[in-house]
Amino acid sequence: MIIEKRTYQLRPGAMPEFLNIYEAEGLKLQSETLGRLLGYFVSEVGELNRVVQLWSFDSFEDRARRRAALSAKPEWRAYLGKAGGMVVNQENELLTPTPFSPLK
């Protein structure tokens, strides 16, 4: 199992619109294709205007296959055209759980 942590830095003031568009369009598309959303978070302290998503995959290959399938969807590309301009920066991390992690 791997966990993908995706962090998006948004333009100041863009959070409400970004979350509305994601909830209305992006969430369904990602959930259908990527599968297991572990959490979706916003920052309240520290670096603000940040969104963090955690997705679970069986393997790196599983992740690559699912992300390629998502990228091939015209509806996803249309969603990115609406939400992408609100993102200033993006960071992705692939995490593997330790043997004693509750998530395995």
N, C-alpha and C. Protein backbone atom coordinates (compact mmCIF):
# COMPACT_ATOMS: atom_id res chain seq x y z
N MET A 1 0.84 -1.18 0.00
CA MET A 1 0.00 0.00 0.00
C MET A 1 0.88 1.24 0.00
N ILE A 2 0.46 2.24 -0.75
CA ILE A 2 1.10 3.56 -0.69
C ILE A 2 0.00 4.61 -0.49
N ILE A 3 0.42 5.70 0.11
CA ILE A 3 -0.47 6.86 0.31
C ILE A 3 0.11 8.00 -0.51
N GLU A 4 -0.73 8.62 -1.31
CA GLU A 4 -0.31 9.81 -2.04
C GLU A 4 -0.85 11.03 -1.30
N LYS A 5 0.05 11.90 -0.92
CA LYS A 5 -0.31 13.17 -0.28
C LYS A 5 -0.12 14.26 -1.33
N ARG A 6 -1.21 14.91 -1.68
CA ARG A 6 -1.18 16.00 -2.66
C ARG A 6 -1.53 17.30 -1.95
N THR A 7 -0.64 18.27 -2.01
CA THR A 7 -0.84 19.55 -1.34
C THR A 7 -0.91 20.64 -2.40
N TYR A 8 -1.98 21.41 -2.36
CA TYR A 8 -2.19 22.50 -3.30
C TYR A 8 -2.16 23.82 -2.54
N GLN A 9 -1.33 24.75 -2.99
CA GLN A 9 -1.31 26.11 -2.47
C GLN A 9 -2.20 26.93 -3.40
N LEU A 10 -3.23 27.55 -2.84
CA LEU A 10 -4.19 28.31 -3.64
C LEU A 10 -3.92 29.81 -3.56
N ARG A 11 -4.40 30.53 -4.56
CA ARG A 11 -4.37 31.99 -4.51
C ARG A 11 -5.17 32.45 -3.30
N PRO A 12 -4.70 33.48 -2.59
CA PRO A 12 -5.50 34.01 -1.47
C PRO A 12 -6.91 34.37 -1.94
N GLY A 13 -7.89 33.93 -1.17
CA GLY A 13 -9.29 34.21 -1.48
C GLY A 13 -9.95 33.18 -2.39
N ALA A 14 -9.18 32.24 -2.93
CA ALA A 14 -9.74 31.27 -3.88
C ALA A 14 -10.33 30.03 -3.21
N MET A 15 -10.10 29.86 -1.92
CA MET A 15 -10.50 28.62 -1.26
C MET A 15 -11.99 28.28 -1.43
N PRO A 16 -12.93 29.20 -1.14
CA PRO A 16 -14.35 28.83 -1.26
C PRO A 16 -14.73 28.37 -2.66
N GLU A 17 -14.27 29.08 -3.67
CA GLU A 17 -14.60 28.70 -5.05
C GLU A 17 -13.95 27.36 -5.42
N PHE A 18 -12.70 27.17 -5.03
CA PHE A 18 -11.99 25.92 -5.31
C PHE A 18 -12.73 24.73 -4.69
N LEU A 19 -13.10 24.86 -3.42
CA LEU A 19 -13.79 23.77 -2.74
C LEU A 19 -15.16 23.50 -3.35
N ASN A 20 -15.88 24.54 -3.74
CA ASN A 20 -17.19 24.37 -4.38
C ASN A 20 -17.07 23.61 -5.70
N ILE A 21 -16.11 24.02 -6.52
CA ILE A 21 -15.92 23.35 -7.81
C ILE A 21 -15.47 21.91 -7.60
N TYR A 22 -14.55 21.70 -6.64
CA TYR A 22 -14.08 20.34 -6.38
C TYR A 22 -15.23 19.45 -5.91
N GLU A 23 -16.01 19.94 -4.97
CA GLU A 23 -17.10 19.13 -4.45
C GLU A 23 -18.14 18.83 -5.53
N ALA A 24 -18.42 19.81 -6.37
CA ALA A 24 -19.44 19.64 -7.41
C ALA A 24 -18.97 18.78 -8.59
N GLU A 25 -17.68 18.83 -8.92
CA GLU A 25 -17.20 18.16 -10.13
C GLU A 25 -16.02 17.22 -9.90
N GLY A 26 -15.00 17.72 -9.23
CA GLY A 26 -13.74 16.96 -9.12
C GLY A 26 -13.82 15.73 -8.24
N LEU A 27 -14.51 15.83 -7.13
CA LEU A 27 -14.59 14.72 -6.17
C LEU A 27 -15.17 13.46 -6.81
N LYS A 28 -16.27 13.60 -7.51
CA LYS A 28 -16.92 12.43 -8.14
C LYS A 28 -15.98 11.80 -9.16
N LEU A 29 -15.36 12.61 -10.00
CA LEU A 29 -14.46 12.09 -11.03
C LEU A 29 -13.28 11.35 -10.40
N GLN A 30 -12.68 11.96 -9.40
CA GLN A 30 -11.53 11.31 -8.75
C GLN A 30 -11.96 10.06 -8.02
N SER A 31 -13.03 10.11 -7.28
CA SER A 31 -13.48 8.96 -6.49
C SER A 31 -13.81 7.76 -7.38
N GLU A 32 -14.44 8.01 -8.53
CA GLU A 32 -14.77 6.93 -9.45
C GLU A 32 -13.52 6.24 -10.00
N THR A 33 -12.46 7.01 -10.22
CA THR A 33 -11.27 6.48 -10.88
C THR A 33 -10.16 6.12 -9.92
N LEU A 34 -9.90 7.00 -8.94
CA LEU A 34 -8.78 6.75 -8.04
C LEU A 34 -9.14 5.80 -6.91
N GLY A 35 -10.41 5.83 -6.50
CA GLY A 35 -10.84 4.88 -5.49
C GLY A 35 -10.87 5.40 -4.07
N ARG A 36 -9.82 5.21 -3.31
CA ARG A 36 -9.87 5.38 -1.86
C ARG A 36 -9.32 6.73 -1.38
N LEU A 37 -10.22 7.67 -1.20
CA LEU A 37 -9.86 8.96 -0.59
C LEU A 37 -9.81 8.76 0.92
N LEU A 38 -8.65 9.00 1.52
CA LEU A 38 -8.50 8.85 2.96
C LEU A 38 -8.86 10.13 3.70
N GLY A 39 -8.67 11.27 3.05
CA GLY A 39 -8.99 12.52 3.71
C GLY A 39 -8.77 13.71 2.79
N TYR A 40 -9.49 14.78 3.08
CA TYR A 40 -9.41 16.02 2.33
C TYR A 40 -9.41 17.13 3.37
N PHE A 41 -8.35 17.92 3.42
CA PHE A 41 -8.15 18.86 4.51
C PHE A 41 -7.81 20.26 4.00
N VAL A 42 -8.11 21.27 4.82
CA VAL A 42 -7.67 22.64 4.57
C VAL A 42 -6.88 23.10 5.78
N SER A 43 -5.97 24.05 5.56
CA SER A 43 -5.13 24.55 6.64
C SER A 43 -5.82 25.70 7.36
N GLU A 44 -5.68 25.72 8.66
CA GLU A 44 -6.24 26.80 9.49
C GLU A 44 -5.14 27.59 10.22
N VAL A 45 -4.00 26.96 10.41
CA VAL A 45 -2.87 27.57 11.12
C VAL A 45 -1.61 27.26 10.32
N GLY A 46 -0.63 28.14 10.38
CA GLY A 46 0.61 27.92 9.60
C GLY A 46 0.43 28.47 8.20
N GLU A 47 0.88 27.70 7.22
CA GLU A 47 0.70 28.12 5.83
C GLU A 47 -0.77 28.01 5.46
N LEU A 48 -1.35 29.14 5.13
CA LEU A 48 -2.78 29.18 4.81
C LEU A 48 -3.01 28.97 3.32
N ASN A 49 -4.28 28.88 2.95
CA ASN A 49 -4.68 28.70 1.55
C ASN A 49 -4.15 27.40 0.97
N ARG A 50 -4.10 26.36 1.81
CA ARG A 50 -3.60 25.06 1.37
C ARG A 50 -4.68 23.99 1.50
N VAL A 51 -4.70 23.11 0.53
CA VAL A 51 -5.59 21.95 0.52
C VAL A 51 -4.70 20.71 0.47
N VAL A 52 -5.03 19.72 1.30
CA VAL A 52 -4.26 18.48 1.32
C VAL A 52 -5.22 17.31 1.08
N GLN A 53 -4.88 16.48 0.11
CA GLN A 53 -5.63 15.27 -0.18
C GLN A 53 -4.76 14.07 0.15
N LEU A 54 -5.35 13.02 0.71
CA LEU A 54 -4.66 11.76 0.94
C LEU A 54 -5.42 10.65 0.21
N TRP A 55 -4.74 9.96 -0.70
CA TRP A 55 -5.32 8.87 -1.47
C TRP A 55 -4.53 7.60 -1.22
N SER A 56 -5.21 6.47 -1.13
CA SER A 56 -4.57 5.18 -0.90
C SER A 56 -4.58 4.35 -2.19
N PHE A 57 -3.45 3.71 -2.47
CA PHE A 57 -3.31 2.84 -3.64
C PHE A 57 -2.66 1.53 -3.22
N ASP A 58 -2.94 0.48 -3.96
CA ASP A 58 -2.35 -0.82 -3.65
C ASP A 58 -0.84 -0.83 -3.90
N SER A 59 -0.40 -0.09 -4.93
CA SER A 59 1.02 -0.08 -5.31
C SER A 59 1.29 1.16 -6.16
N PHE A 60 2.56 1.37 -6.47
CA PHE A 60 2.93 2.47 -7.36
C PHE A 60 2.30 2.26 -8.74
N GLU A 61 2.28 1.01 -9.20
CA GLU A 61 1.71 0.68 -10.50
C GLU A 61 0.20 0.93 -10.52
N ASP A 62 -0.47 0.57 -9.43
CA ASP A 62 -1.90 0.83 -9.30
C ASP A 62 -2.17 2.33 -9.40
N ARG A 63 -1.37 3.11 -8.68
CA ARG A 63 -1.51 4.57 -8.72
C ARG A 63 -1.30 5.09 -10.14
N ALA A 64 -0.23 4.65 -10.80
CA ALA A 64 0.07 5.13 -12.16
C ALA A 64 -1.07 4.80 -13.12
N ARG A 65 -1.62 3.60 -13.03
CA ARG A 65 -2.72 3.19 -13.90
C ARG A 65 -3.96 4.04 -13.66
N ARG A 66 -4.30 4.24 -12.39
CA ARG A 66 -5.51 5.01 -12.05
C ARG A 66 -5.36 6.48 -12.42
N ARG A 67 -4.18 7.07 -12.19
CA ARG A 67 -3.98 8.48 -12.53
C ARG A 67 -4.02 8.67 -14.04
N ALA A 68 -3.46 7.71 -14.80
CA ALA A 68 -3.51 7.80 -16.27
C ALA A 68 -4.96 7.73 -16.75
N ALA A 69 -5.75 6.86 -16.14
CA ALA A 69 -7.17 6.75 -16.51
C ALA A 69 -7.91 8.05 -16.21
N LEU A 70 -7.61 8.67 -15.07
CA LEU A 70 -8.24 9.94 -14.73
C LEU A 70 -7.85 11.03 -15.73
N SER A 71 -6.57 11.11 -16.05
CA SER A 71 -6.07 12.14 -16.97
C SER A 71 -6.68 12.00 -18.37
N ALA A 72 -7.10 10.79 -18.74
CA ALA A 72 -7.66 10.56 -20.06
C ALA A 72 -9.12 11.00 -20.17
N LYS A 73 -9.76 11.29 -19.07
CA LYS A 73 -11.18 11.67 -19.10
C LYS A 73 -11.35 13.13 -19.52
N PRO A 74 -12.13 13.39 -20.56
CA PRO A 74 -12.37 14.78 -20.97
C PRO A 74 -13.02 15.61 -19.86
N GLU A 75 -13.87 14.98 -19.05
CA GLU A 75 -14.52 15.70 -17.95
C GLU A 75 -13.49 16.17 -16.92
N TRP A 76 -12.44 15.38 -16.71
CA TRP A 76 -11.38 15.76 -15.77
C TRP A 76 -10.60 16.94 -16.32
N ARG A 77 -10.28 16.89 -17.60
CA ARG A 77 -9.55 18.01 -18.21
C ARG A 77 -10.39 19.29 -18.16
N ALA A 78 -11.71 19.16 -18.34
CA ALA A 78 -12.59 20.33 -18.24
C ALA A 78 -12.60 20.88 -16.81
N TYR A 79 -12.64 19.97 -15.83
CA TYR A 79 -12.58 20.39 -14.43
C TYR A 79 -11.26 21.13 -14.16
N LEU A 80 -10.15 20.59 -14.64
CA LEU A 80 -8.85 21.24 -14.42
C LEU A 80 -8.81 22.64 -15.03
N GLY A 81 -9.50 22.82 -16.14
CA GLY A 81 -9.57 24.14 -16.75
C GLY A 81 -10.25 25.16 -15.86
N LYS A 82 -11.17 24.70 -15.02
CA LYS A 82 -11.87 25.60 -14.09
C LYS A 82 -11.08 25.82 -12.80
N ALA A 83 -10.53 24.76 -12.24
CA ALA A 83 -9.89 24.83 -10.93
C ALA A 83 -8.39 25.11 -10.99
N GLY A 84 -7.76 24.72 -12.07
CA GLY A 84 -6.30 24.82 -12.16
C GLY A 84 -5.74 26.21 -12.00
N GLY A 85 -6.45 27.21 -12.47
CA GLY A 85 -5.97 28.58 -12.38
C GLY A 85 -5.94 29.13 -10.96
N MET A 86 -6.59 28.44 -10.04
CA MET A 86 -6.59 28.87 -8.64
C MET A 86 -5.40 28.31 -7.87
N VAL A 87 -4.69 27.36 -8.46
CA VAL A 87 -3.56 26.71 -7.79
C VAL A 87 -2.28 27.46 -8.13
N VAL A 88 -1.54 27.85 -7.08
CA VAL A 88 -0.28 28.54 -7.23
C VAL A 88 0.88 27.55 -7.27
N ASN A 89 0.77 26.51 -6.46
CA ASN A 89 1.84 25.52 -6.33
C ASN A 89 1.23 24.18 -5.94
N GLN A 90 1.90 23.10 -6.34
CA GLN A 90 1.44 21.76 -5.98
C GLN A 90 2.64 20.92 -5.59
N GLU A 91 2.46 20.12 -4.53
CA GLU A 91 3.49 19.17 -4.10
C GLU A 91 2.84 17.80 -3.97
N ASN A 92 3.53 16.77 -4.43
CA ASN A 92 3.06 15.40 -4.29
C ASN A 92 4.10 14.59 -3.53
N GLU A 93 3.64 13.76 -2.61
CA GLU A 93 4.51 12.84 -1.90
C GLU A 93 3.88 11.46 -1.94
N LEU A 94 4.70 10.44 -2.12
CA LEU A 94 4.24 9.06 -2.01
C LEU A 94 4.80 8.51 -0.71
N LEU A 95 3.90 8.06 0.16
CA LEU A 95 4.27 7.60 1.49
C LEU A 95 3.95 6.12 1.63
N THR A 96 4.82 5.41 2.34
CA THR A 96 4.55 4.00 2.63
C THR A 96 4.41 3.86 4.15
N PRO A 97 3.43 3.10 4.60
CA PRO A 97 3.22 2.97 6.05
C PRO A 97 4.30 2.09 6.69
N THR A 98 4.61 2.42 7.92
CA THR A 98 5.53 1.59 8.70
C THR A 98 4.80 0.32 9.12
N PRO A 99 5.55 -0.70 9.57
CA PRO A 99 4.89 -1.95 10.00
C PRO A 99 3.88 -1.74 11.14
N PHE A 100 4.07 -0.70 11.96
CA PHE A 100 3.19 -0.47 13.10
C PHE A 100 2.13 0.58 12.84
N SER A 101 2.03 1.07 11.61
CA SER A 101 1.03 2.08 11.27
C SER A 101 -0.37 1.48 11.31
N PRO A 102 -1.36 2.24 11.84
CA PRO A 102 -2.74 1.76 11.77
C PRO A 102 -3.25 1.59 10.34
N LEU A 103 -2.71 2.38 9.41
CA LEU A 103 -3.07 2.25 7.99
C LEU A 103 -2.06 1.32 7.32
N LYS A 104 -2.52 0.17 6.85
CA LYS A 104 -1.62 -0.78 6.18
C LYS A 104 -2.24 -1.28 4.91
